[in-house]
Amino acid sequence: MSEQTRLRIGVLASGRGSNFDAIARAAASGSIPATVAVLITDRASARALQIARHHRIEAVCIEPRDYPSREAHEAQVIATLEKHGVGLVCLAGYMRILTGAFVKHFEGRLLNIHPSLLPLFPGLRAQRQALESGVKVTGATVHFVDEGVDTGPIVAQAAVPIRSNDTEETLADRILLEEHRIYPEAIRLLAEGRLTIEGRRVRIEERS
């Protein structure tokens, strides 16, 4: 597959960028037929910027405080993604709630990773929610983004058993290992044109 036909990915991240790193490594190794075209962060202190430098991926910091409104900030993010010819946007710990206009602009081309087996435990501190609920199993979910909070159609999930001595941190670490595995896998399926959204469900086409 030529560079011109490979799916171009834009990643949005606010923090350490471990899922961004997993995506970048998968693209570099050829595990997914895609190129990470740009990283966008909303925080100049984000460790994801160091990862971008390591992988020689262009990185742009677009801080909300530099714009008069949420809409103006998002317009700049969209313009930057479009400038880089992005066909898929991946949220990787991006700590901003996106507007409906942003979601609509990238409808069917916007993925997120969440540390629970959705629809259980959406929103913040999903690991704490799981521990406090008493469930025995939680996990990770890759889903398309819609206008709700972690409510979009599910692409992939991985289960993680909860141990009796787990803390929020130890559980998060084990879930993260699964996130790093299933996020690139979900991107690969999309890049290969094997995902179809049918209402609330995502159909995965078998290889021919």
N, C-alpha and C. Protein backbone atom coordinates (compact mmCIF):
# COMPACT_ATOMS: atom_id res chain seq x y z
N MET A 1 0.85 -1.19 0.00
CA MET A 1 0.00 0.00 0.00
C MET A 1 0.88 1.24 0.00
N SER A 2 0.63 2.16 -0.95
CA SER A 2 1.46 3.35 -1.05
C SER A 2 1.12 4.34 0.05
N GLU A 3 2.04 5.29 0.26
CA GLU A 3 1.81 6.30 1.28
C GLU A 3 0.57 7.13 0.95
N GLN A 4 0.29 7.30 -0.36
CA GLN A 4 -0.85 8.10 -0.76
C GLN A 4 -2.19 7.44 -0.42
N THR A 5 -2.22 6.11 -0.36
CA THR A 5 -3.48 5.40 -0.12
C THR A 5 -3.65 4.98 1.34
N ARG A 6 -2.63 5.15 2.15
CA ARG A 6 -2.75 4.78 3.56
C ARG A 6 -3.65 5.77 4.29
N LEU A 7 -4.43 5.24 5.22
CA LEU A 7 -5.27 6.08 6.04
C LEU A 7 -4.40 7.02 6.87
N ARG A 8 -4.77 8.29 6.89
CA ARG A 8 -4.03 9.28 7.66
C ARG A 8 -4.78 9.56 8.96
N ILE A 9 -4.07 9.41 10.08
CA ILE A 9 -4.67 9.51 11.40
C ILE A 9 -4.21 10.79 12.09
N GLY A 10 -5.16 11.44 12.73
CA GLY A 10 -4.84 12.54 13.64
C GLY A 10 -5.19 12.10 15.05
N VAL A 11 -4.29 12.29 15.99
CA VAL A 11 -4.51 11.87 17.38
C VAL A 11 -4.65 13.12 18.25
N LEU A 12 -5.67 13.11 19.11
CA LEU A 12 -5.86 14.18 20.09
C LEU A 12 -5.54 13.62 21.47
N ALA A 13 -4.62 14.24 22.19
CA ALA A 13 -4.20 13.76 23.51
C ALA A 13 -3.92 14.94 24.42
N SER A 14 -4.18 14.73 25.71
CA SER A 14 -3.94 15.79 26.70
C SER A 14 -2.84 15.45 27.69
N GLY A 15 -2.47 14.16 27.81
CA GLY A 15 -1.58 13.76 28.88
C GLY A 15 -0.37 12.97 28.43
N ARG A 16 -0.21 11.79 29.09
CA ARG A 16 1.02 11.02 28.87
C ARG A 16 1.10 10.38 27.50
N GLY A 17 -0.04 10.12 26.85
CA GLY A 17 -0.02 9.66 25.48
C GLY A 17 0.36 8.21 25.27
N SER A 18 0.07 7.33 26.23
CA SER A 18 0.48 5.93 26.06
C SER A 18 -0.30 5.26 24.93
N ASN A 19 -1.58 5.59 24.77
CA ASN A 19 -2.32 5.02 23.65
C ASN A 19 -1.87 5.62 22.32
N PHE A 20 -1.51 6.88 22.33
CA PHE A 20 -0.90 7.49 21.14
C PHE A 20 0.36 6.75 20.76
N ASP A 21 1.18 6.40 21.74
CA ASP A 21 2.41 5.66 21.48
C ASP A 21 2.11 4.30 20.88
N ALA A 22 1.08 3.61 21.41
CA ALA A 22 0.71 2.30 20.88
C ALA A 22 0.25 2.41 19.43
N ILE A 23 -0.50 3.45 19.11
CA ILE A 23 -0.97 3.65 17.74
C ILE A 23 0.21 3.97 16.83
N ALA A 24 1.09 4.85 17.28
CA ALA A 24 2.24 5.23 16.47
C ALA A 24 3.15 4.03 16.20
N ARG A 25 3.36 3.20 17.21
CA ARG A 25 4.19 2.01 17.03
C ARG A 25 3.55 1.02 16.05
N ALA A 26 2.24 0.85 16.15
CA ALA A 26 1.55 -0.07 15.24
C ALA A 26 1.63 0.43 13.80
N ALA A 27 1.49 1.74 13.61
CA ALA A 27 1.59 2.29 12.27
C ALA A 27 3.01 2.16 11.72
N ALA A 28 4.00 2.43 12.56
CA ALA A 28 5.40 2.35 12.12
C ALA A 28 5.80 0.93 11.76
N SER A 29 5.24 -0.04 12.48
CA SER A 29 5.60 -1.45 12.23
C SER A 29 4.84 -2.05 11.06
N GLY A 30 3.82 -1.35 10.58
CA GLY A 30 3.01 -1.90 9.50
C GLY A 30 1.85 -2.76 9.98
N SER A 31 1.66 -2.82 11.30
CA SER A 31 0.55 -3.62 11.84
C SER A 31 -0.80 -3.05 11.44
N ILE A 32 -0.86 -1.75 11.23
CA ILE A 32 -2.07 -1.13 10.71
C ILE A 32 -1.70 -0.37 9.44
N PRO A 33 -2.56 -0.44 8.40
CA PRO A 33 -2.26 0.25 7.14
C PRO A 33 -2.61 1.73 7.25
N ALA A 34 -1.85 2.45 8.04
CA ALA A 34 -2.16 3.84 8.32
C ALA A 34 -0.88 4.60 8.66
N THR A 35 -0.98 5.91 8.58
CA THR A 35 0.10 6.80 8.95
C THR A 35 -0.42 7.79 9.97
N VAL A 36 0.29 7.99 11.06
CA VAL A 36 -0.09 9.02 12.02
C VAL A 36 0.44 10.34 11.48
N ALA A 37 -0.47 11.19 11.02
CA ALA A 37 -0.09 12.42 10.34
C ALA A 37 0.20 13.56 11.30
N VAL A 38 -0.52 13.59 12.44
CA VAL A 38 -0.34 14.70 13.36
C VAL A 38 -0.86 14.35 14.74
N LEU A 39 -0.20 14.86 15.75
CA LEU A 39 -0.70 14.85 17.12
C LEU A 39 -1.12 16.26 17.47
N ILE A 40 -2.30 16.40 18.05
CA ILE A 40 -2.77 17.69 18.57
C ILE A 40 -3.02 17.54 20.06
N THR A 41 -2.47 18.46 20.83
CA THR A 41 -2.71 18.47 22.26
C THR A 41 -3.22 19.84 22.68
N ASP A 42 -3.96 19.86 23.77
CA ASP A 42 -4.47 21.12 24.31
C ASP A 42 -3.64 21.59 25.50
N ARG A 43 -2.53 20.92 25.78
CA ARG A 43 -1.70 21.26 26.93
C ARG A 43 -0.22 21.24 26.53
N ALA A 44 0.46 22.35 26.76
CA ALA A 44 1.88 22.43 26.41
C ALA A 44 2.73 21.48 27.23
N SER A 45 2.21 21.05 28.39
CA SER A 45 2.96 20.15 29.28
C SER A 45 2.70 18.68 28.99
N ALA A 46 1.89 18.37 28.00
CA ALA A 46 1.52 16.98 27.73
C ALA A 46 2.75 16.15 27.35
N ARG A 47 2.90 15.00 28.01
CA ARG A 47 4.02 14.11 27.69
C ARG A 47 3.89 13.50 26.30
N ALA A 48 2.68 13.55 25.76
CA ALA A 48 2.48 13.04 24.40
C ALA A 48 3.36 13.78 23.39
N LEU A 49 3.71 15.01 23.68
CA LEU A 49 4.57 15.77 22.77
C LEU A 49 5.96 15.13 22.66
N GLN A 50 6.46 14.57 23.77
CA GLN A 50 7.74 13.88 23.73
C GLN A 50 7.66 12.62 22.88
N ILE A 51 6.53 11.93 22.99
CA ILE A 51 6.34 10.72 22.18
C ILE A 51 6.31 11.08 20.70
N ALA A 52 5.65 12.17 20.37
CA ALA A 52 5.60 12.61 18.97
C ALA A 52 7.01 12.88 18.44
N ARG A 53 7.82 13.55 19.25
CA ARG A 53 9.20 13.81 18.82
C ARG A 53 9.96 12.51 18.61
N HIS A 54 9.75 11.54 19.51
CA HIS A 54 10.44 10.26 19.39
C HIS A 54 10.08 9.57 18.07
N HIS A 55 8.81 9.64 17.69
CA HIS A 55 8.36 8.98 16.46
C HIS A 55 8.46 9.88 15.23
N ARG A 56 8.96 11.10 15.43
CA ARG A 56 9.09 12.07 14.34
C ARG A 56 7.73 12.34 13.68
N ILE A 57 6.74 12.51 14.53
CA ILE A 57 5.39 12.85 14.09
C ILE A 57 5.17 14.34 14.39
N GLU A 58 4.62 15.05 13.42
CA GLU A 58 4.36 16.47 13.65
C GLU A 58 3.38 16.64 14.81
N ALA A 59 3.68 17.55 15.69
CA ALA A 59 2.84 17.79 16.86
C ALA A 59 2.48 19.27 16.94
N VAL A 60 1.23 19.53 17.31
CA VAL A 60 0.74 20.90 17.41
C VAL A 60 0.03 21.06 18.75
N CYS A 61 0.38 22.09 19.48
CA CYS A 61 -0.30 22.42 20.74
C CYS A 61 -1.28 23.55 20.46
N ILE A 62 -2.56 23.28 20.69
CA ILE A 62 -3.61 24.29 20.49
C ILE A 62 -4.30 24.47 21.83
N GLU A 63 -3.87 25.47 22.58
CA GLU A 63 -4.38 25.66 23.93
C GLU A 63 -5.67 26.47 23.92
N PRO A 64 -6.69 26.00 24.62
CA PRO A 64 -7.98 26.70 24.63
C PRO A 64 -7.90 28.15 25.09
N ARG A 65 -6.97 28.46 26.00
CA ARG A 65 -6.89 29.82 26.53
C ARG A 65 -6.48 30.84 25.48
N ASP A 66 -5.97 30.36 24.36
CA ASP A 66 -5.55 31.27 23.29
C ASP A 66 -6.69 31.65 22.35
N TYR A 67 -7.90 31.15 22.63
CA TYR A 67 -9.05 31.38 21.75
C TYR A 67 -10.21 31.97 22.54
N PRO A 68 -11.01 32.80 21.89
CA PRO A 68 -12.08 33.50 22.62
C PRO A 68 -13.25 32.62 23.02
N SER A 69 -13.37 31.43 22.41
CA SER A 69 -14.51 30.57 22.72
C SER A 69 -14.15 29.12 22.44
N ARG A 70 -14.97 28.24 22.99
CA ARG A 70 -14.81 26.81 22.74
C ARG A 70 -14.92 26.51 21.25
N GLU A 71 -15.86 27.18 20.60
CA GLU A 71 -16.07 26.95 19.17
C GLU A 71 -14.87 27.40 18.34
N ALA A 72 -14.28 28.52 18.73
CA ALA A 72 -13.10 29.01 18.01
C ALA A 72 -11.92 28.06 18.18
N HIS A 73 -11.77 27.53 19.38
CA HIS A 73 -10.70 26.57 19.63
C HIS A 73 -10.90 25.32 18.78
N GLU A 74 -12.11 24.78 18.78
CA GLU A 74 -12.38 23.57 17.99
C GLU A 74 -12.22 23.83 16.49
N ALA A 75 -12.57 25.02 16.05
CA ALA A 75 -12.41 25.35 14.63
C ALA A 75 -10.95 25.26 14.23
N GLN A 76 -10.05 25.69 15.12
CA GLN A 76 -8.62 25.60 14.83
C GLN A 76 -8.15 24.15 14.83
N VAL A 77 -8.68 23.34 15.75
CA VAL A 77 -8.34 21.91 15.77
C VAL A 77 -8.79 21.26 14.46
N ILE A 78 -10.01 21.54 14.05
CA ILE A 78 -10.52 20.97 12.80
C ILE A 78 -9.67 21.42 11.62
N ALA A 79 -9.34 22.70 11.57
CA ALA A 79 -8.53 23.21 10.46
C ALA A 79 -7.17 22.53 10.40
N THR A 80 -6.58 22.26 11.56
CA THR A 80 -5.28 21.60 11.60
C THR A 80 -5.39 20.15 11.13
N LEU A 81 -6.43 19.47 11.55
CA LEU A 81 -6.65 18.09 11.10
C LEU A 81 -6.86 18.04 9.59
N GLU A 82 -7.66 18.97 9.08
CA GLU A 82 -7.92 19.00 7.64
C GLU A 82 -6.66 19.35 6.86
N LYS A 83 -5.86 20.24 7.38
CA LYS A 83 -4.60 20.61 6.73
C LYS A 83 -3.71 19.39 6.54
N HIS A 84 -3.77 18.46 7.48
CA HIS A 84 -2.93 17.25 7.40
C HIS A 84 -3.63 16.10 6.69
N GLY A 85 -4.78 16.37 6.08
CA GLY A 85 -5.46 15.34 5.29
C GLY A 85 -5.91 14.15 6.10
N VAL A 86 -6.35 14.38 7.33
CA VAL A 86 -6.70 13.30 8.24
C VAL A 86 -8.03 12.65 7.84
N GLY A 87 -8.02 11.32 7.78
CA GLY A 87 -9.24 10.58 7.49
C GLY A 87 -9.86 9.94 8.71
N LEU A 88 -9.10 9.86 9.80
CA LEU A 88 -9.57 9.28 11.06
C LEU A 88 -8.98 10.08 12.21
N VAL A 89 -9.84 10.41 13.18
CA VAL A 89 -9.39 11.10 14.39
C VAL A 89 -9.51 10.14 15.56
N CYS A 90 -8.43 9.98 16.30
CA CYS A 90 -8.41 9.08 17.46
C CYS A 90 -8.19 9.89 18.73
N LEU A 91 -9.13 9.77 19.65
CA LEU A 91 -8.97 10.40 20.96
C LEU A 91 -8.15 9.47 21.84
N ALA A 92 -7.11 10.02 22.46
CA ALA A 92 -6.22 9.21 23.29
C ALA A 92 -5.95 9.96 24.58
N GLY A 93 -6.95 9.95 25.47
CA GLY A 93 -6.81 10.71 26.70
C GLY A 93 -6.95 12.19 26.46
N TYR A 94 -7.85 12.57 25.56
CA TYR A 94 -8.11 13.99 25.28
C TYR A 94 -9.17 14.46 26.26
N MET A 95 -8.79 15.35 27.17
CA MET A 95 -9.63 15.67 28.32
C MET A 95 -10.55 16.86 28.07
N ARG A 96 -11.16 16.88 26.89
CA ARG A 96 -12.13 17.91 26.58
C ARG A 96 -13.39 17.26 26.01
N ILE A 97 -14.54 17.78 26.40
CA ILE A 97 -15.80 17.32 25.84
C ILE A 97 -15.98 18.01 24.49
N LEU A 98 -16.13 17.24 23.45
CA LEU A 98 -16.25 17.80 22.10
C LEU A 98 -17.68 18.27 21.84
N THR A 99 -17.81 19.34 21.08
CA THR A 99 -19.13 19.85 20.74
C THR A 99 -19.79 18.94 19.69
N GLY A 100 -21.10 19.09 19.60
CA GLY A 100 -21.83 18.33 18.58
C GLY A 100 -21.36 18.66 17.18
N ALA A 101 -20.96 19.90 16.95
CA ALA A 101 -20.48 20.30 15.63
C ALA A 101 -19.19 19.56 15.26
N PHE A 102 -18.29 19.41 16.23
CA PHE A 102 -17.05 18.68 15.97
C PHE A 102 -17.36 17.21 15.67
N VAL A 103 -18.19 16.60 16.50
CA VAL A 103 -18.54 15.19 16.31
C VAL A 103 -19.20 14.99 14.95
N LYS A 104 -20.08 15.90 14.57
CA LYS A 104 -20.77 15.78 13.28
C LYS A 104 -19.78 15.89 12.12
N HIS A 105 -18.81 16.79 12.27
CA HIS A 105 -17.82 17.00 11.20
C HIS A 105 -17.05 15.71 10.89
N PHE A 106 -16.75 14.94 11.94
CA PHE A 106 -15.97 13.71 11.77
C PHE A 106 -16.83 12.45 11.99
N GLU A 107 -18.09 12.55 11.75
CA GLU A 107 -19.00 11.43 11.99
C GLU A 107 -18.53 10.17 11.26
N GLY A 108 -18.45 9.07 12.00
CA GLY A 108 -17.97 7.82 11.43
C GLY A 108 -16.47 7.75 11.26
N ARG A 109 -15.77 8.83 11.66
CA ARG A 109 -14.31 8.90 11.52
C ARG A 109 -13.66 9.36 12.82
N LEU A 110 -14.35 9.09 13.95
CA LEU A 110 -13.89 9.57 15.24
C LEU A 110 -14.00 8.45 16.26
N LEU A 111 -12.84 7.99 16.76
CA LEU A 111 -12.78 6.87 17.70
C LEU A 111 -12.28 7.34 19.06
N ASN A 112 -12.70 6.59 20.10
CA ASN A 112 -12.24 6.85 21.45
C ASN A 112 -11.97 5.52 22.16
N ILE A 113 -11.10 5.57 23.16
CA ILE A 113 -10.83 4.41 24.00
C ILE A 113 -11.26 4.76 25.42
N HIS A 114 -11.96 3.82 26.08
CA HIS A 114 -12.46 4.08 27.43
C HIS A 114 -12.15 2.89 28.33
N PRO A 115 -11.70 3.14 29.58
CA PRO A 115 -11.28 2.04 30.46
C PRO A 115 -12.41 1.37 31.25
N SER A 116 -13.39 0.86 30.52
CA SER A 116 -14.44 0.02 31.13
C SER A 116 -15.12 -0.75 30.02
N LEU A 117 -15.95 -1.68 30.40
CA LEU A 117 -16.77 -2.40 29.43
C LEU A 117 -18.07 -1.62 29.28
N LEU A 118 -18.03 -0.63 28.41
CA LEU A 118 -19.23 0.16 28.17
C LEU A 118 -20.39 -0.74 27.73
N PRO A 119 -21.62 -0.39 28.11
CA PRO A 119 -22.05 0.91 28.67
C PRO A 119 -21.87 1.06 30.17
N LEU A 120 -21.22 0.10 30.85
CA LEU A 120 -20.95 0.28 32.27
C LEU A 120 -19.85 1.32 32.50
N PHE A 121 -20.01 2.13 33.51
CA PHE A 121 -19.00 3.05 34.02
C PHE A 121 -18.48 4.04 32.98
N PRO A 122 -19.36 4.81 32.37
CA PRO A 122 -18.91 5.87 31.47
C PRO A 122 -18.35 7.05 32.26
N GLY A 123 -17.73 7.97 31.56
CA GLY A 123 -17.26 9.19 32.21
C GLY A 123 -15.94 9.01 32.94
N LEU A 124 -15.68 9.91 33.89
CA LEU A 124 -14.40 9.94 34.59
C LEU A 124 -14.28 8.84 35.65
N ARG A 125 -13.03 8.50 35.97
CA ARG A 125 -12.68 7.56 37.04
C ARG A 125 -13.43 6.23 36.88
N ALA A 126 -13.38 5.69 35.68
CA ALA A 126 -14.10 4.44 35.40
C ALA A 126 -13.55 3.29 36.24
N GLN A 127 -12.25 3.29 36.50
CA GLN A 127 -11.67 2.22 37.31
C GLN A 127 -12.21 2.28 38.75
N ARG A 128 -12.29 3.49 39.30
CA ARG A 128 -12.85 3.64 40.64
C ARG A 128 -14.32 3.21 40.67
N GLN A 129 -15.05 3.60 39.64
CA GLN A 129 -16.45 3.20 39.56
C GLN A 129 -16.58 1.68 39.60
N ALA A 130 -15.71 0.99 38.86
CA ALA A 130 -15.76 -0.48 38.82
C ALA A 130 -15.46 -1.08 40.18
N LEU A 131 -14.42 -0.56 40.84
CA LEU A 131 -14.05 -1.09 42.15
C LEU A 131 -15.16 -0.86 43.17
N GLU A 132 -15.76 0.32 43.16
CA GLU A 132 -16.80 0.63 44.12
C GLU A 132 -18.09 -0.12 43.87
N SER A 133 -18.30 -0.56 42.64
CA SER A 133 -19.54 -1.26 42.30
C SER A 133 -19.55 -2.71 42.77
N GLY A 134 -18.35 -3.28 42.94
CA GLY A 134 -18.27 -4.68 43.35
C GLY A 134 -18.26 -5.68 42.21
N VAL A 135 -18.22 -5.22 40.95
CA VAL A 135 -18.18 -6.16 39.83
C VAL A 135 -16.86 -6.93 39.86
N LYS A 136 -16.86 -8.09 39.25
CA LYS A 136 -15.68 -8.94 39.22
C LYS A 136 -14.85 -8.77 37.95
N VAL A 137 -15.45 -8.15 36.94
CA VAL A 137 -14.77 -7.99 35.65
C VAL A 137 -15.06 -6.59 35.12
N THR A 138 -14.02 -5.93 34.62
CA THR A 138 -14.19 -4.68 33.89
C THR A 138 -13.36 -4.80 32.61
N GLY A 139 -12.87 -3.71 32.07
CA GLY A 139 -12.09 -3.86 30.85
C GLY A 139 -11.90 -2.57 30.10
N ALA A 140 -11.82 -2.68 28.78
CA ALA A 140 -11.60 -1.53 27.91
C ALA A 140 -12.50 -1.62 26.70
N THR A 141 -12.85 -0.46 26.15
CA THR A 141 -13.75 -0.39 25.00
C THR A 141 -13.26 0.64 24.00
N VAL A 142 -13.22 0.26 22.73
CA VAL A 142 -13.03 1.21 21.65
C VAL A 142 -14.39 1.46 21.02
N HIS A 143 -14.75 2.74 20.86
CA HIS A 143 -16.07 3.03 20.31
C HIS A 143 -16.01 4.27 19.41
N PHE A 144 -16.96 4.33 18.49
CA PHE A 144 -17.15 5.55 17.73
C PHE A 144 -17.71 6.61 18.66
N VAL A 145 -17.38 7.84 18.41
CA VAL A 145 -17.84 8.93 19.26
C VAL A 145 -19.13 9.52 18.70
N ASP A 146 -20.12 9.65 19.57
CA ASP A 146 -21.33 10.39 19.22
C ASP A 146 -21.45 11.58 20.17
N GLU A 147 -22.61 12.20 20.23
CA GLU A 147 -22.75 13.41 21.04
C GLU A 147 -22.95 13.13 22.53
N GLY A 148 -23.07 11.87 22.91
CA GLY A 148 -23.18 11.53 24.32
C GLY A 148 -21.82 11.34 24.96
N VAL A 149 -21.81 10.97 26.22
CA VAL A 149 -20.56 10.69 26.93
C VAL A 149 -20.32 9.19 26.94
N ASP A 150 -19.39 8.74 26.10
CA ASP A 150 -19.03 7.31 26.01
C ASP A 150 -20.24 6.46 25.64
N THR A 151 -21.05 6.96 24.70
CA THR A 151 -22.28 6.26 24.31
C THR A 151 -22.28 5.78 22.87
N GLY A 152 -21.21 6.01 22.13
CA GLY A 152 -21.19 5.67 20.72
C GLY A 152 -21.10 4.18 20.45
N PRO A 153 -21.39 3.76 19.20
CA PRO A 153 -21.34 2.35 18.82
C PRO A 153 -19.99 1.71 19.12
N ILE A 154 -20.03 0.52 19.68
CA ILE A 154 -18.83 -0.18 20.17
C ILE A 154 -18.16 -0.97 19.05
N VAL A 155 -16.85 -0.79 18.92
CA VAL A 155 -16.05 -1.50 17.92
C VAL A 155 -15.39 -2.74 18.52
N ALA A 156 -14.76 -2.58 19.67
CA ALA A 156 -13.99 -3.68 20.27
C ALA A 156 -13.97 -3.53 21.78
N GLN A 157 -13.89 -4.67 22.46
CA GLN A 157 -13.79 -4.68 23.92
C GLN A 157 -12.84 -5.78 24.37
N ALA A 158 -12.28 -5.58 25.56
CA ALA A 158 -11.43 -6.59 26.19
C ALA A 158 -11.74 -6.62 27.67
N ALA A 159 -11.89 -7.81 28.21
CA ALA A 159 -12.24 -7.97 29.63
C ALA A 159 -10.97 -8.04 30.48
N VAL A 160 -11.06 -7.46 31.69
CA VAL A 160 -9.97 -7.50 32.67
C VAL A 160 -10.57 -7.89 34.02
N PRO A 161 -10.22 -9.08 34.57
CA PRO A 161 -10.73 -9.46 35.88
C PRO A 161 -10.24 -8.51 36.97
N ILE A 162 -11.08 -8.28 37.96
CA ILE A 162 -10.70 -7.44 39.10
C ILE A 162 -10.22 -8.35 40.23
N ARG A 163 -9.03 -8.07 40.72
CA ARG A 163 -8.45 -8.87 41.80
C ARG A 163 -8.87 -8.31 43.15
N SER A 164 -8.86 -9.17 44.15
CA SER A 164 -9.32 -8.75 45.48
C SER A 164 -8.46 -7.65 46.09
N ASN A 165 -7.18 -7.60 45.69
CA ASN A 165 -6.28 -6.60 46.26
C ASN A 165 -6.03 -5.42 45.32
N ASP A 166 -6.85 -5.29 44.28
CA ASP A 166 -6.65 -4.21 43.32
C ASP A 166 -6.89 -2.84 43.95
N THR A 167 -6.06 -1.90 43.53
CA THR A 167 -6.32 -0.50 43.79
C THR A 167 -6.72 0.14 42.45
N GLU A 168 -7.14 1.38 42.51
CA GLU A 168 -7.48 2.07 41.28
C GLU A 168 -6.29 2.08 40.32
N GLU A 169 -5.09 2.24 40.87
CA GLU A 169 -3.89 2.33 40.04
C GLU A 169 -3.51 0.99 39.43
N THR A 170 -3.53 -0.09 40.22
CA THR A 170 -3.15 -1.39 39.67
C THR A 170 -4.16 -1.86 38.62
N LEU A 171 -5.43 -1.59 38.87
CA LEU A 171 -6.44 -1.96 37.89
C LEU A 171 -6.26 -1.15 36.61
N ALA A 172 -6.00 0.13 36.75
CA ALA A 172 -5.79 0.98 35.58
C ALA A 172 -4.62 0.49 34.74
N ASP A 173 -3.55 0.06 35.39
CA ASP A 173 -2.36 -0.41 34.66
C ASP A 173 -2.69 -1.65 33.83
N ARG A 174 -3.47 -2.58 34.39
CA ARG A 174 -3.80 -3.80 33.64
C ARG A 174 -4.79 -3.50 32.52
N ILE A 175 -5.71 -2.60 32.76
CA ILE A 175 -6.62 -2.21 31.69
C ILE A 175 -5.85 -1.54 30.55
N LEU A 176 -4.87 -0.74 30.91
CA LEU A 176 -4.10 -0.02 29.90
C LEU A 176 -3.40 -0.98 28.93
N LEU A 177 -2.93 -2.10 29.43
CA LEU A 177 -2.31 -3.09 28.54
C LEU A 177 -3.28 -3.56 27.47
N GLU A 178 -4.54 -3.75 27.85
CA GLU A 178 -5.55 -4.16 26.88
C GLU A 178 -5.92 -3.02 25.94
N GLU A 179 -5.93 -1.79 26.46
CA GLU A 179 -6.19 -0.64 25.60
C GLU A 179 -5.16 -0.57 24.47
N HIS A 180 -3.90 -0.79 24.83
CA HIS A 180 -2.83 -0.70 23.84
C HIS A 180 -2.95 -1.81 22.79
N ARG A 181 -3.61 -2.88 23.13
CA ARG A 181 -3.80 -3.98 22.17
C ARG A 181 -5.01 -3.74 21.27
N ILE A 182 -6.15 -3.35 21.86
CA ILE A 182 -7.37 -3.30 21.05
C ILE A 182 -7.54 -2.00 20.26
N TYR A 183 -6.90 -0.91 20.70
CA TYR A 183 -7.06 0.32 19.94
C TYR A 183 -6.44 0.21 18.54
N PRO A 184 -5.18 -0.22 18.42
CA PRO A 184 -4.63 -0.41 17.06
C PRO A 184 -5.41 -1.44 16.25
N GLU A 185 -5.93 -2.47 16.92
CA GLU A 185 -6.71 -3.48 16.20
C GLU A 185 -7.98 -2.87 15.63
N ALA A 186 -8.66 -2.04 16.40
CA ALA A 186 -9.86 -1.37 15.90
C ALA A 186 -9.54 -0.44 14.74
N ILE A 187 -8.42 0.27 14.84
CA ILE A 187 -8.00 1.15 13.75
C ILE A 187 -7.71 0.34 12.50
N ARG A 188 -7.07 -0.80 12.66
CA ARG A 188 -6.78 -1.67 11.50
C ARG A 188 -8.06 -2.08 10.78
N LEU A 189 -9.05 -2.49 11.55
CA LEU A 189 -10.33 -2.90 10.94
C LEU A 189 -10.95 -1.75 10.16
N LEU A 190 -10.90 -0.55 10.72
CA LEU A 190 -11.47 0.61 10.03
C LEU A 190 -10.65 0.93 8.78
N ALA A 191 -9.33 0.90 8.90
CA ALA A 191 -8.47 1.21 7.77
C ALA A 191 -8.66 0.22 6.62
N GLU A 192 -8.99 -1.00 6.96
CA GLU A 192 -9.23 -2.03 5.94
C GLU A 192 -10.65 -1.96 5.39
N GLY A 193 -11.44 -1.01 5.85
CA GLY A 193 -12.80 -0.86 5.35
C GLY A 193 -13.75 -1.95 5.81
N ARG A 194 -13.49 -2.51 6.98
CA ARG A 194 -14.27 -3.67 7.45
C ARG A 194 -15.29 -3.33 8.53
N LEU A 195 -15.46 -2.04 8.82
CA LEU A 195 -16.42 -1.64 9.85
C LEU A 195 -17.60 -0.92 9.21
N THR A 196 -18.80 -1.33 9.61
CA THR A 196 -20.02 -0.68 9.16
C THR A 196 -20.89 -0.39 10.37
N ILE A 197 -21.30 0.86 10.53
CA ILE A 197 -22.17 1.23 11.64
C ILE A 197 -23.61 1.01 11.22
N GLU A 198 -24.31 0.19 12.00
CA GLU A 198 -25.71 -0.10 11.74
C GLU A 198 -26.51 0.23 12.99
N GLY A 199 -26.95 1.49 13.07
CA GLY A 199 -27.65 1.93 14.28
C GLY A 199 -26.69 1.97 15.46
N ARG A 200 -27.01 1.18 16.49
CA ARG A 200 -26.19 1.13 17.69
C ARG A 200 -25.09 0.07 17.58
N ARG A 201 -25.07 -0.68 16.52
CA ARG A 201 -24.12 -1.78 16.40
C ARG A 201 -23.09 -1.50 15.32
N VAL A 202 -21.92 -2.12 15.48
CA VAL A 202 -20.87 -2.05 14.48
C VAL A 202 -20.66 -3.45 13.92
N ARG A 203 -20.87 -3.59 12.62
CA ARG A 203 -20.67 -4.88 11.97
C ARG A 203 -19.25 -4.96 11.44
N ILE A 204 -18.58 -6.08 11.74
CA ILE A 204 -17.21 -6.30 11.29
C ILE A 204 -17.23 -7.34 10.19
N GLU A 205 -16.81 -6.95 9.00
CA GLU A 205 -16.80 -7.86 7.85
C GLU A 205 -15.62 -8.82 7.96
N GLU A 206 -15.89 -10.07 7.66
CA GLU A 206 -14.82 -11.06 7.65
C GLU A 206 -13.95 -10.85 6.42
N ARG A 207 -12.71 -11.26 6.51
CA ARG A 207 -11.83 -11.18 5.36
C ARG A 207 -12.34 -12.09 4.24
N SER A 208 -12.21 -11.62 3.01
CA SER A 208 -12.67 -12.43 1.86
C SER A 208 -11.59 -13.43 1.48
